[in-house]
PDB file of N, CA and C in Angstrom:
ATOM      1  N   GLY A   1     106.245 111.860 121.162  1.00  0.00           N
ATOM      2  CA  GLY A   1     105.922 111.306 122.517  1.00  0.00           C
ATOM      3  C   GLY A   1     106.506 109.740 122.809  1.00  0.00           C
ATOM      4  N   HIS A   2     107.463 109.338 124.196  1.00  0.00           N
ATOM      5  CA  HIS A   2     107.601 108.545 124.372  1.00  0.00           C
ATOM      6  C   HIS A   2     106.734 107.112 124.738  1.00  0.00           C
ATOM      7  N   PHE A   3     105.691 107.688 124.980  1.00  0.00           N
ATOM      8  CA  PHE A   3     104.180 106.753 125.328  1.00  0.00           C
ATOM      9  C   PHE A   3     103.858 106.385 123.945  1.00  0.00           C
ATOM     10  N   THR A   4     104.247 106.615 122.744  1.00  0.00           N
ATOM     11  CA  THR A   4     103.910 106.023 121.017  1.00  0.00           C
ATOM     12  C   THR A   4     105.265 104.755 120.960  1.00  0.00           C
ATOM     13  N   PHE A   5     105.961 104.608 122.138  1.00  0.00           N
ATOM     14  CA  PHE A   5     106.936 103.546 121.934  1.00  0.00           C
ATOM     15  C   PHE A   5     106.390 102.393 122.774  1.00  0.00           C
ATOM     16  N   THR A   6     105.138 102.749 123.332  1.00  0.00           N
ATOM     17  CA  THR A   6     104.257 101.293 123.937  1.00  0.00           C
ATOM     18  C   THR A   6     103.379 101.113 123.704  1.00  0.00           C
ATOM     19  N   ASP A   7     102.415 100.441 124.099  1.00  0.00           N
ATOM     20  CA  ASP A   7     101.057  99.977 123.738  1.00  0.00           C
ATOM     21  C   ASP A   7      99.943 100.732 123.962  1.00  0.00           C
ATOM     22  N   ILE A   8     100.478 101.626 124.806  1.00  0.00           N
ATOM     23  CA  ILE A   8      99.311 102.942 125.260  1.00  0.00           C
ATOM     24  C   ILE A   8      98.389 103.220 124.175  1.00  0.00           C
ATOM     25  N   PRO A   9      98.752 103.495 123.047  1.00  0.00           N
ATOM     26  CA  PRO A   9      98.069 104.209 121.749  1.00  0.00           C
ATOM     27  C   PRO A   9      97.301 103.475 121.385  1.00  0.00           C
ATOM     28  N   GLU A  10      97.579 101.802 120.914  1.00  0.00           N
ATOM     29  CA  GLU A  10      96.639 100.667 120.254  1.00  0.00           C
ATOM     30  C   GLU A  10      95.729 100.718 121.720  1.00  0.00           C
ATOM     31  N   VAL A  11      96.113 100.563 122.530  1.00  0.00           N
ATOM     32  CA  VAL A  11      95.071 100.485 123.662  1.00  0.00           C
ATOM     33  C   VAL A  11      93.698 101.685 123.774  1.00  0.00           C
ATOM     34  N   GLY A  12      94.445 102.810 123.766  1.00  0.00           N
ATOM     35  CA  GLY A  12      93.377 103.928 123.705  1.00  0.00           C
ATOM     36  C   GLY A  12      92.883 104.203 122.700  1.00  0.00           C
ATOM     37  N   GLU A  13      92.873 103.717 121.377  1.00  0.00           N
ATOM     38  CA  GLU A  13      92.339 103.727 120.532  1.00  0.00           C
ATOM     39  C   GLU A  13      90.972 102.639 120.456  1.00  0.00           C
ATOM     40  N   GLN A  14      91.648 101.340 121.193  1.00  0.00           N
ATOM     41  CA  GLN A  14      90.482  99.971 120.996  1.00  0.00           C
ATOM     42  C   GLN A  14      89.349 100.828 122.000  1.00  0.00           C
ATOM     43  N   LEU A  15      90.118 101.347 123.440  1.00  0.00           N
ATOM     44  CA  LEU A  15      89.089 101.741 124.149  1.00  0.00           C
ATOM     45  C   LEU A  15      88.196 103.500 123.452  1.00  0.00           C
ATOM     46  N   GLY A  16      88.437 103.478 122.962  1.00  0.00           N
ATOM     47  CA  GLY A  16      87.704 105.180 122.173  1.00  0.00           C
ATOM     48  C   GLY A  16      88.577 106.324 123.044  1.00  0.00           C
ATOM     49  N   ILE A  17      89.613 106.142 123.531  1.00  0.00           N
ATOM     50  CA  ILE A  17      90.466 107.184 123.950  1.00  0.00           C
ATOM     51  C   ILE A  17      91.290 108.028 123.070  1.00  0.00           C
ATOM     52  N   ASP A  18      91.063 109.179 122.515  1.00  0.00           N
ATOM     53  CA  ASP A  18      91.631 109.820 121.598  1.00  0.00           C
ATOM     54  C   ASP A  18      92.468 110.871 121.852  1.00  0.00           C
ATOM     55  N   ASP A  19      93.774 110.873 121.935  1.00  0.00           N
ATOM     56  CA  ASP A  19      95.028 111.835 122.265  1.00  0.00           C
ATOM     57  C   ASP A  19      94.950 112.580 121.462  1.00  0.00           C
ATOM     58  N   PRO A  20      94.724 114.008 121.361  1.00  0.00           N
ATOM     59  CA  PRO A  20      94.922 114.845 120.220  1.00  0.00           C
ATOM     60  C   PRO A  20      96.082 115.244 120.213  1.00  0.00           C
ATOM     61  N   ASP A  21      97.104 114.871 121.279  1.00  0.00           N
ATOM     62  CA  ASP A  21      98.120 115.692 121.042  1.00  0.00           C
ATOM     63  C   ASP A  21      99.575 114.804 120.684  1.00  0.00           C
ATOM     64  N   ALA A  22      98.719 113.514 120.741  1.00  0.00           N
ATOM     65  CA  ALA A  22      99.566 112.336 120.264  1.00  0.00           C
ATOM     66  C   ALA A  22     100.612 112.980 119.024  1.00  0.00           C
ATOM     67  N   PRO A  23     101.662 112.804 119.044  1.00  0.00           N
ATOM     68  CA  PRO A  23     102.451 112.490 117.741  1.00  0.00           C
ATOM     69  C   PRO A  23     101.692 111.789 116.261  1.00  0.00           C
ATOM     70  N   LEU A  24     101.552 110.645 116.924  1.00  0.00           N
ATOM     71  CA  LEU A  24     101.298 109.920 115.662  1.00  0.00           C
ATOM     72  C   LEU A  24     100.262 108.843 116.264  1.00  0.00           C
ATOM     73  N   SER A  25      99.754 108.527 114.838  1.00  0.00           N
ATOM     74  CA  SER A  25      98.542 107.433 114.978  1.00  0.00           C
ATOM     75  C   SER A  25      99.017 105.887 115.770  1.00  0.00           C
ATOM     76  N   ALA A  26      98.204 105.645 115.912  1.00  0.00           N
ATOM     77  CA  ALA A  26      98.867 104.292 117.134  1.00  0.00           C
ATOM     78  C   ALA A  26      99.037 103.236 115.580  1.00  0.00           C
ATOM     79  N   ALA A  27      98.342 102.985 114.662  1.00  0.00           N
ATOM     80  CA  ALA A  27      99.007 102.196 113.768  1.00  0.00           C
ATOM     81  C   ALA A  27     100.417 102.796 113.270  1.00  0.00           C
ATOM     82  N   ARG A  28     100.440 103.938 113.300  1.00  0.00           N
ATOM     83  CA  ARG A  28     101.724 104.243 112.789  1.00  0.00           C
ATOM     84  C   ARG A  28     103.127 104.088 113.772  1.00  0.00           C
ATOM     85  N   SER A  29     102.694 103.985 114.960  1.00  0.00           N
ATOM     86  CA  SER A  29     103.642 103.963 116.069  1.00  0.00           C
ATOM     87  C   SER A  29     103.747 102.566 116.451  1.00  0.00           C
ATOM     88  N   THR A  30     102.755 102.105 116.000  1.00  0.00           N
ATOM     89  CA  THR A  30     103.271 100.038 116.313  1.00  0.00           C
ATOM     90  C   THR A  30     104.405 100.021 114.792  1.00  0.00           C
ATOM     91  N   THR A  31     103.931 100.703 113.815  1.00  0.00           N
ATOM     92  CA  THR A  31     104.705 100.205 112.470  1.00  0.00           C
ATOM     93  C   THR A  31     105.940 100.378 112.969  1.00  0.00           C
ATOM     94  N   ILE A  32     106.412 101.318 112.907  1.00  0.00           N
ATOM     95  CA  ILE A  32     107.660 102.014 113.367  1.00  0.00           C
ATOM     96  C   ILE A  32     108.180 101.250 114.757  1.00  0.00           C
ATOM     97  N   THR A  33     107.717 100.860 115.622  1.00  0.00           N
ATOM     98  CA  THR A  33     108.198 100.351 116.833  1.00  0.00           C
ATOM     99  C   THR A  33     108.618  98.873 116.462  1.00  0.00           C
ATOM    100  N   ARG A  34     107.958  98.529 116.097  1.00  0.00           N
ATOM    101  CA  ARG A  34     107.935  96.778 115.424  1.00  0.00           C
ATOM    102  C   ARG A  34     109.220  96.882 114.609  1.00  0.00           C
ATOM    103  N   SER A  35     109.416  97.333 113.546  1.00  0.00           N
ATOM    104  CA  SER A  35     110.718  98.014 112.611  1.00  0.00           C
ATOM    105  C   SER A  35     111.502  98.157 113.438  1.00  0.00           C
ATOM    106  N   TYR A  36     111.830  98.923 114.186  1.00  0.00           N
ATOM    107  CA  TYR A  36     113.217  98.801 114.836  1.00  0.00           C
ATOM    108  C   TYR A  36     113.025  97.957 115.728  1.00  0.00           C
ATOM    109  N   VAL A  37     112.407  97.672 116.615  1.00  0.00           N
ATOM    110  CA  VAL A  37     112.439  96.151 117.509  1.00  0.00           C
ATOM    111  C   VAL A  37     113.068  94.727 116.848  1.00  0.00           C
ATOM    112  N   THR A  38     112.501  94.745 115.474  1.00  0.00           N
ATOM    113  CA  THR A  38     113.177  93.696 114.572  1.00  0.00           C
ATOM    114  C   THR A  38     114.682  93.991 114.365  1.00  0.00           C
ATOM    115  N   ALA A  39     114.878  95.287 113.766  1.00  0.00           N
ATOM    116  CA  ALA A  39     116.036  95.588 113.430  1.00  0.00           C
ATOM    117  C   ALA A  39     117.103  95.322 114.296  1.00  0.00           C
ATOM    118  N   PHE A  40     116.385  95.632 115.861  1.00  0.00           N
ATOM    119  CA  PHE A  40     117.623  95.883 117.041  1.00  0.00           C
ATOM    120  C   PHE A  40     118.004  94.088 117.199  1.00  0.00           C
ATOM    121  N   PHE A  41     117.028  93.436 117.313  1.00  0.00           N
ATOM    122  CA  PHE A  41     116.889  91.829 117.525  1.00  0.00           C
ATOM    123  C   PHE A  41     117.919  91.418 116.494  1.00  0.00           C
ATOM    124  N   ASP A  42     117.855  91.657 114.899  1.00  0.00           N
ATOM    125  CA  ASP A  42     118.334  90.846 114.332  1.00  0.00           C
ATOM    126  C   ASP A  42     119.517  91.357 114.493  1.00  0.00           C
ATOM    127  N   ARG A  43     120.523  92.419 114.883  1.00  0.00           N
ATOM    128  CA  ARG A  43     121.299  92.869 114.571  1.00  0.00           C
ATOM    129  C   ARG A  43     121.651  92.097 115.969  1.00  0.00           C
ATOM    130  N   SER A  44     121.702  92.475 117.091  1.00  0.00           N
ATOM    131  CA  SER A  44     122.062  91.815 118.557  1.00  0.00           C
ATOM    132  C   SER A  44     122.126  90.551 118.727  1.00  0.00           C
ATOM    133  N   LEU A  45     121.064  89.326 118.033  1.00  0.00           N
ATOM    134  CA  LEU A  45     121.261  88.896 118.428  1.00  0.00           C
ATOM    135  C   LEU A  45     121.467  87.501 117.089  1.00  0.00           C
ATOM    136  N   ARG A  46     120.596  88.131 116.031  1.00  0.00           N
ATOM    137  CA  ARG A  46     121.335  87.116 114.944  1.00  0.00           C
ATOM    138  C   ARG A  46     122.518  87.682 114.370  1.00  0.00           C
ATOM    139  N   GLY A  47     122.786  88.625 114.036  1.00  0.00           N
ATOM    140  CA  GLY A  47     124.243  89.029 113.704  1.00  0.00           C
ATOM    141  C   GLY A  47     124.194  89.426 112.298  1.00  0.00           C
ATOM    142  N   ARG A  48     122.679  89.723 112.064  1.00  0.00           N
ATOM    143  CA  ARG A  48     122.279  90.589 110.689  1.00  0.00           C
ATOM    144  C   ARG A  48     122.871  91.655 110.301  1.00  0.00           C
ATOM    145  N   PRO A  49     122.872  92.451 109.301  1.00  0.00           N
ATOM    146  CA  PRO A  49     123.328  93.537 109.139  1.00  0.00           C
ATOM    147  C   PRO A  49     122.026  94.525 109.648  1.00  0.00           C
ATOM    148  N   ALA A  50     122.081  95.538 109.998  1.00  0.00           N
ATOM    149  CA  ALA A  50     120.612  96.659 110.069  1.00  0.00           C
ATOM    150  C   ALA A  50     120.862  98.046 110.244  1.00  0.00           C
ATOM    151  N   ARG A  51     120.623  98.096 108.527  1.00  0.00           N
ATOM    152  CA  ARG A  51     120.857  99.515 108.379  1.00  0.00           C
ATOM    153  C   ARG A  51     119.835 100.265 108.657  1.00  0.00           C
ATOM    154  N   LEU A  52     118.313  99.680 108.582  1.00  0.00           N
ATOM    155  CA  LEU A  52     117.381 100.754 109.594  1.00  0.00           C
ATOM    156  C   LEU A  52     118.180 101.458 110.982  1.00  0.00           C
ATOM    157  N   LEU A  53     119.257 100.785 111.451  1.00  0.00           N
ATOM    158  CA  LEU A  53     119.903 101.656 112.854  1.00  0.00           C
ATOM    159  C   LEU A  53     120.903 102.206 112.973  1.00  0.00           C
ATOM    160  N   ASN A  54     121.124 102.783 111.990  1.00  0.00           N
ATOM    161  CA  ASN A  54     122.191 103.585 111.087  1.00  0.00           C
ATOM    162  C   ASN A  54     122.018 104.809 110.969  1.00  0.00           C
ATOM    163  N   GLY A  55     120.654 105.047 111.151  1.00  0.00           N
ATOM    164  CA  GLY A  55     120.619 106.533 111.307  1.00  0.00           C
ATOM    165  C   GLY A  55     119.183 106.685 110.931  1.00  0.00           C
ATOM    166  N   PRO A  56     118.684 108.126 110.226  1.00  0.00           N
ATOM    167  CA  PRO A  56     117.526 108.579 109.989  1.00  0.00           C
ATOM    168  C   PRO A  56     117.244 108.099 108.439  1.00  0.00           C
ATOM    169  N   THR A  57     115.718 107.806 107.931  1.00  0.00           N
ATOM    170  CA  THR A  57     115.694 107.379 107.074  1.00  0.00           C
ATOM    171  C   THR A  57     114.747 108.117 106.416  1.00  0.00           C
ATOM    172  N   PRO A  58     114.393 107.981 104.810  1.00  0.00           N
ATOM    173  CA  PRO A  58     113.512 108.746 104.659  1.00  0.00           C
ATOM    174  C   PRO A  58     112.170 108.032 105.115  1.00  0.00           C
ATOM    175  N   ALA A  59     112.335 107.060 104.885  1.00  0.00           N
ATOM    176  CA  ALA A  59     110.727 106.136 104.999  1.00  0.00           C
ATOM    177  C   ALA A  59     109.942 106.451 106.679  1.00  0.00           C
ATOM    178  N   ASN A  60     110.986 106.938 107.395  1.00  0.00           N
ATOM    179  CA  ASN A  60     110.406 106.989 109.029  1.00  0.00           C
ATOM    180  C   ASN A  60     110.673 108.384 109.215  1.00  0.00           C
ATOM    181  N   PRO A  61     110.563 109.679 108.894  1.00  0.00           N
ATOM    182  CA  PRO A  61     111.157 111.011 109.660  1.00  0.00           C
ATOM    183  C   PRO A  61     110.957 111.378 110.693  1.00  0.00           C
ATOM    184  N   GLU A  62     109.749 110.338 111.158  1.00  0.00           N
ATOM    185  CA  GLU A  62     109.496 110.930 112.636  1.00  0.00           C
ATOM    186  C   GLU A  62     110.420 110.301 113.722  1.00  0.00           C
ATOM    187  N   VAL A  63     111.622 109.384 113.123  1.00  0.00           N
ATOM    188  CA  VAL A  63     112.400 108.840 114.143  1.00  0.00           C
ATOM    189  C   VAL A  63     113.717 109.945 114.627  1.00  0.00           C
ATOM    190  N   LEU A  64     113.889 110.058 115.312  1.00  0.00           N
ATOM    191  CA  LEU A  64     114.927 111.097 115.879  1.00  0.00           C
ATOM    192  C   LEU A  64     116.534 110.258 116.036  1.00  0.00           C
ATOM    193  N   PHE A  65     117.273 110.177 115.913  1.00  0.00           N
ATOM    194  CA  PHE A  65     118.648 109.389 116.080  1.00  0.00           C
ATOM    195  C   PHE A  65     119.507 110.705 117.167  1.00  0.00           C
ATOM    196  N   GLN A  66     120.026 110.036 118.220  1.00  0.00           N
ATOM    197  CA  GLN A  66     120.943 110.978 118.779  1.00  0.00           C
ATOM    198  C   GLN A  66     122.329 110.333 118.849  1.00  0.00           C
ATOM    199  N   HIS A  67     123.269 111.133 119.212  1.00  0.00           N
ATOM    200  CA  HIS A  67     124.808 110.213 119.288  1.00  0.00           C
ATOM    201  C   HIS A  67     125.144 110.911 120.142  1.00  0.00           C
ATOM    202  N   PRO A  68     125.639 110.563 121.584  1.00  0.00           N
ATOM    203  CA  PRO A  68     125.789 111.004 122.416  1.00  0.00           C
ATOM    204  C   PRO A  68     127.520 111.987 122.337  1.00  0.00           C
TER     205      PRO A  68
END
């Protein structure tokens, strides 16, 4: 779900609110989000290669890429 890209799962977990329909745990969601946001800024602002943004990876099967 799109809300896993926000801090809602983390806050909900801290408040004891569990979402049984959430596709990912709060910890996994946070890990993936941090990885991709870091890769984006490394590429965009620092000019560093960010292979993570090139397409799907075995380490992150939950992440889908769409090419218009």
